[in-house]
């Protein structure tokens, strides 16, 4: 309705201004979209770096746990061996203490 009252030159000027405004909006949109995509890439890169760091930390923790288990197993084996040696020593000393003494002699101690 407002257009009907404009002259041909005014209508052309309006269309030109309208197209210019549309181009400016499109350019702002493209720029904003490019900025958002760049920001998204930065976030994805940071996420990937954090993921890699967590993987490295998990691997270090896994290795530390394996080492702790290995050391605990070695310690348990060492204790078992010591207990077996102690039992053998005790049974050897029992045998030594149970030998037959010549008549008239007493055990030392």
Protein backbone atom coordinates (compact mmCIF):
# COMPACT_ATOMS: atom_id res chain seq x y z
CA UNK A 1 0.00 0.00 0.00
CA UNK A 2 2.81 2.36 0.84
CA UNK A 3 4.51 1.36 -2.38
CA UNK A 4 1.68 2.60 -4.50
CA UNK A 5 2.37 6.16 -3.45
CA UNK A 6 6.07 6.01 -4.37
CA UNK A 7 7.40 7.09 -7.68
CA UNK A 8 9.40 4.71 -9.88
CA UNK A 9 12.71 6.28 -8.77
CA UNK A 10 11.71 5.98 -5.13
CA UNK A 11 10.75 2.34 -5.62
CA UNK A 12 14.10 1.59 -7.28
CA UNK A 13 15.96 3.40 -4.49
CA UNK A 14 13.94 1.46 -1.91
CA UNK A 15 14.72 -1.86 -3.62
CA UNK A 16 18.42 -0.97 -3.83
CA UNK A 17 18.47 0.00 -0.14
CA UNK A 18 16.57 -3.14 0.77
CA UNK A 19 19.00 -5.36 -1.19
CA UNK A 20 21.94 -3.54 0.37
CA UNK A 21 20.51 -4.11 3.84
CA UNK A 22 19.90 -7.78 3.01
CA UNK A 23 23.50 -8.16 1.79
CA UNK A 24 24.79 -6.54 4.98
CA UNK A 25 22.67 -8.87 7.10
CA UNK A 26 23.90 -11.85 5.08
CA UNK A 27 27.50 -10.73 5.50
CA UNK A 28 27.04 -10.27 9.27
CA UNK A 29 25.44 -13.70 9.42
CA UNK A 30 28.33 -15.26 7.45
CA UNK A 31 30.90 -13.54 9.66
CA UNK A 32 29.13 -14.63 12.83
CA UNK A 33 28.79 -18.16 11.49
CA UNK A 34 32.50 -18.26 10.62
CA UNK A 35 33.38 -17.01 14.11
CA UNK A 36 31.14 -19.62 15.71
CA UNK A 37 32.67 -22.37 13.59
CA UNK A 38 36.19 -21.22 14.51
CA UNK A 39 35.20 -21.19 18.17
CA UNK A 40 33.68 -24.65 17.78
CA UNK A 41 36.95 -25.92 16.26
CA UNK A 42 38.88 -24.47 19.20
CA UNK A 43 36.56 -26.22 21.65
CA UNK A 44 36.83 -29.52 19.75
CA UNK A 45 40.63 -29.20 19.74
CA UNK A 46 40.67 -28.48 23.48
CA UNK A 47 38.35 -31.42 24.13
CA UNK A 48 40.62 -33.69 22.11
CA UNK A 49 43.70 -32.46 24.01
CA UNK A 50 41.92 -33.10 27.32
CA UNK A 51 40.85 -36.53 26.11
CA UNK A 52 44.44 -37.40 25.18
CA UNK A 53 45.67 -36.11 28.55
CA UNK A 54 43.08 -38.25 30.36
CA UNK A 55 44.13 -41.27 28.31
CA UNK A 56 47.78 -40.69 29.27
CA UNK A 57 46.86 -40.27 32.94
CA UNK A 58 44.73 -43.42 32.84
CA UNK A 59 47.64 -45.34 31.30
CA UNK A 60 50.01 -44.08 34.00
CA UNK A 61 47.49 -45.07 36.69
CA UNK A 62 47.02 -48.50 35.10
CA UNK A 63 50.78 -49.06 35.00
CA UNK A 64 51.12 -47.92 38.62
CA UNK A 65 48.36 -50.30 39.65
CA UNK A 66 50.01 -53.17 37.77
CA UNK A 67 53.33 -52.35 39.46
CA UNK A 68 51.66 -52.26 42.89
CA UNK A 69 50.04 -55.65 42.24
CA UNK A 70 53.35 -57.08 41.03
CA UNK A 71 55.16 -55.78 44.13
CA UNK A 72 52.43 -57.14 46.41
CA UNK A 73 52.71 -60.54 44.73
CA UNK A 74 56.50 -60.48 45.11
CA UNK A 75 56.15 -59.54 48.78
CA UNK A 76 53.62 -62.34 49.34
CA UNK A 77 55.93 -64.83 47.61
CA UNK A 78 58.89 -63.62 49.69
CA UNK A 79 56.88 -64.01 52.92
CA UNK A 80 55.74 -67.50 51.93
CA UNK A 81 59.34 -68.48 51.19
CA UNK A 82 60.47 -67.06 54.55
CA UNK A 83 57.70 -68.94 56.36
CA UNK A 84 58.68 -72.16 54.59
CA UNK A 85 62.34 -71.60 55.51
CA UNK A 86 61.34 -70.89 59.10
CA UNK A 87 59.21 -74.04 59.21
CA UNK A 88 62.08 -76.05 57.73
CA UNK A 89 64.51 -74.53 60.23
CA UNK A 90 62.11 -75.33 63.07
CA UNK A 91 61.69 -78.93 61.91
CA UNK A 92 65.47 -79.26 61.50
CA UNK A 93 66.07 -77.94 64.99
CA UNK A 94 63.40 -80.32 66.32
CA UNK A 95 65.28 -83.18 64.70
CA UNK A 96 68.53 -81.93 66.20
CA UNK A 97 66.92 -81.75 69.61
CA UNK A 98 65.49 -85.25 69.33
CA UNK A 99 68.72 -87.14 68.81
CA UNK A 100 69.59 -89.87 71.30
CA UNK A 101 72.15 -88.82 73.86
CA UNK A 102 74.74 -91.15 75.23
CA UNK A 103 73.96 -92.38 78.72
CA UNK A 104 74.85 -89.93 81.42
CA UNK A 105 74.89 -86.89 79.17
CA UNK A 106 72.26 -84.15 79.17
CA UNK A 107 71.15 -81.81 76.48
CA UNK A 108 72.78 -78.44 76.42
CA UNK A 109 70.61 -75.50 77.38
